[in-house]
Amino acid sequence: MAMDEGKPVHVLVVEDEVLVAWALREILEGAGYRVTVAHDGLRALAFEAEDPADALLTDLQMPHLNGAALVRRLRSSRPLLPVIVMTGTPDVRDLAGLGHGTPASTIIVAKPLSPQPILAALRAALEAS
């Protein structure tokens, strides 16, 4: 998957489970994306400041800064950032308002994950933004 200027789309993957993060990296890089992995929301903010992503793929429940707070912080300065939220235990309170007030796409996917739904969600989020 390439952006208009010929560079691969940069996806910031934020997942605290190391094996899940590794699998997501493999899936996305295999599909042609450039991937940065962070294992918590605070580290994701640091990576984002150094090398802004074209899309965010984040777990909801993580240490230090959860996925909902991460999305809100990133969207405060980047309202068009496409976001895919992964969760095994969706809490309606955490998900409330993640997509409201921004023109960007927010897609929720349920864990456990498999490659095709993740790739389809990412393509849909990028196309909608």
Protein backbone atom coordinates (compact mmCIF):
# COMPACT_ATOMS: atom_id res chain seq x y z
CA MET A 1 0.00 0.00 0.00
CA ALA A 2 1.58 3.28 -1.06
CA MET A 3 0.75 6.93 -0.52
CA ASP A 4 0.53 9.42 -3.39
CA GLU A 5 4.21 10.38 -3.22
CA GLY A 6 5.29 6.76 -3.59
CA LYS A 7 6.24 6.21 0.03
CA PRO A 8 4.69 3.32 1.95
CA VAL A 9 1.86 4.20 4.30
CA HIS A 10 3.24 4.50 7.84
CA VAL A 11 1.17 2.70 10.47
CA LEU A 12 1.77 3.19 14.19
CA VAL A 13 0.83 -0.06 15.94
CA VAL A 14 0.28 0.26 19.69
CA GLU A 15 -0.12 -3.11 21.42
CA ASP A 16 1.18 -4.18 24.84
CA GLU A 17 1.15 -7.92 24.08
CA VAL A 18 4.51 -8.57 22.41
CA LEU A 19 3.40 -11.57 20.33
CA VAL A 20 0.33 -9.75 19.04
CA ALA A 21 2.45 -6.70 18.17
CA TRP A 22 4.94 -8.93 16.35
CA ALA A 23 2.16 -10.63 14.38
CA LEU A 24 0.61 -7.29 13.43
CA ARG A 25 4.00 -6.02 12.24
CA GLU A 26 4.43 -9.14 10.09
CA ILE A 27 0.94 -8.85 8.59
CA LEU A 28 1.23 -5.14 7.81
CA GLU A 29 4.80 -5.21 6.49
CA GLY A 30 3.85 -8.20 4.34
CA ALA A 31 1.10 -6.04 2.81
CA GLY A 32 3.57 -3.24 2.05
CA TYR A 33 3.03 -0.88 5.00
CA ARG A 34 5.83 0.76 6.98
CA VAL A 35 5.27 -0.11 10.64
CA THR A 36 6.36 1.39 13.95
CA VAL A 37 5.45 -0.59 17.08
CA ALA A 38 4.95 0.85 20.56
CA HIS A 39 3.98 -1.23 23.59
CA ASP A 40 2.14 1.54 25.47
CA GLY A 41 0.42 4.82 24.77
CA LEU A 42 3.16 7.05 26.18
CA ARG A 43 5.80 5.46 23.97
CA ALA A 44 3.41 5.81 21.02
CA LEU A 45 3.20 9.57 21.64
CA ALA A 46 7.00 9.78 21.60
CA PHE A 47 7.24 7.81 18.34
CA GLU A 48 4.46 9.93 16.80
CA ALA A 49 6.33 13.13 17.70
CA GLU A 50 9.49 11.81 15.99
CA ASP A 51 7.88 10.26 12.91
CA PRO A 52 4.15 10.98 12.39
CA ALA A 53 2.09 8.04 11.20
CA ASP A 54 -0.46 7.97 8.40
CA ALA A 55 -2.72 5.70 10.48
CA LEU A 56 -3.00 4.42 14.05
CA LEU A 57 -3.77 0.81 14.96
CA THR A 58 -4.12 0.62 18.74
CA ASP A 59 -5.18 -1.73 21.48
CA LEU A 60 -7.71 -0.30 23.90
CA GLN A 61 -6.41 -1.64 27.23
CA MET A 62 -2.74 -0.82 27.80
CA PRO A 63 -0.49 0.37 30.62
CA HIS A 64 0.54 4.01 31.16
CA LEU A 65 -1.94 5.51 28.66
CA ASN A 66 -4.86 3.48 27.33
CA GLY A 67 -5.93 3.40 23.70
CA ALA A 68 -8.92 5.72 24.14
CA ALA A 69 -6.76 8.40 25.80
CA LEU A 70 -4.10 7.94 23.12
CA VAL A 71 -6.64 8.43 20.33
CA ARG A 72 -8.03 11.55 22.00
CA ARG A 73 -4.56 13.06 22.47
CA LEU A 74 -3.45 12.36 18.91
CA ARG A 75 -6.72 13.55 17.42
CA SER A 76 -6.50 16.83 19.35
CA SER A 77 -3.61 17.85 17.08
CA ARG A 78 -4.34 15.54 14.13
CA PRO A 79 -8.13 15.35 13.67
CA LEU A 80 -7.82 13.60 10.29
CA LEU A 81 -5.74 10.67 11.59
CA PRO A 82 -7.36 7.36 10.58
CA VAL A 83 -7.72 5.09 13.63
CA ILE A 84 -8.40 1.38 14.08
CA VAL A 85 -9.04 0.35 17.68
CA MET A 86 -8.51 -3.31 18.62
CA THR A 87 -10.18 -4.70 21.70
CA GLY A 88 -11.05 -8.04 23.22
CA THR A 89 -13.27 -6.53 25.88
CA PRO A 90 -14.99 -3.47 24.50
CA ASP A 91 -16.17 -1.09 27.19
CA VAL A 92 -18.76 1.27 25.76
CA ARG A 93 -17.51 4.03 28.06
CA ASP A 94 -14.00 3.74 26.58
CA LEU A 95 -15.29 3.73 23.02
CA ALA A 96 -17.76 6.58 23.45
CA GLY A 97 -16.78 9.67 21.55
CA LEU A 98 -13.67 8.30 19.84
CA GLY A 99 -14.97 9.16 16.40
CA HIS A 100 -17.20 12.09 17.24
CA GLY A 101 -16.14 15.62 16.50
CA THR A 102 -13.53 14.61 13.92
CA PRO A 103 -13.86 14.03 10.20
CA ALA A 104 -11.49 11.05 10.38
CA SER A 105 -12.45 7.42 10.33
CA THR A 106 -12.50 5.34 13.52
CA ILE A 107 -12.99 1.60 13.11
CA ILE A 108 -13.35 -0.87 15.98
CA VAL A 109 -12.18 -4.46 15.46
CA ALA A 110 -12.62 -7.31 17.89
CA LYS A 111 -9.84 -9.55 19.16
CA PRO A 112 -8.77 -12.22 18.49
CA LEU A 113 -7.48 -10.81 15.23
CA SER A 114 -6.85 -12.37 11.87
CA PRO A 115 -4.97 -10.82 8.93
CA GLN A 116 -7.78 -10.11 6.47
CA PRO A 117 -10.10 -8.15 8.81
CA ILE A 118 -7.16 -6.03 10.02
CA LEU A 119 -6.02 -5.24 6.47
CA ALA A 120 -9.61 -4.52 5.38
CA ALA A 121 -10.17 -2.19 8.35
CA LEU A 122 -6.93 -0.33 7.63
CA ARG A 123 -7.78 0.09 3.93
CA ALA A 124 -11.28 1.32 4.84
CA ALA A 125 -9.94 3.82 7.40
CA LEU A 126 -7.37 5.20 4.96
CA GLU A 127 -9.90 5.48 2.14
CA ALA A 128 -12.41 7.27 4.39
CA SER A 129 -9.87 9.89 5.50
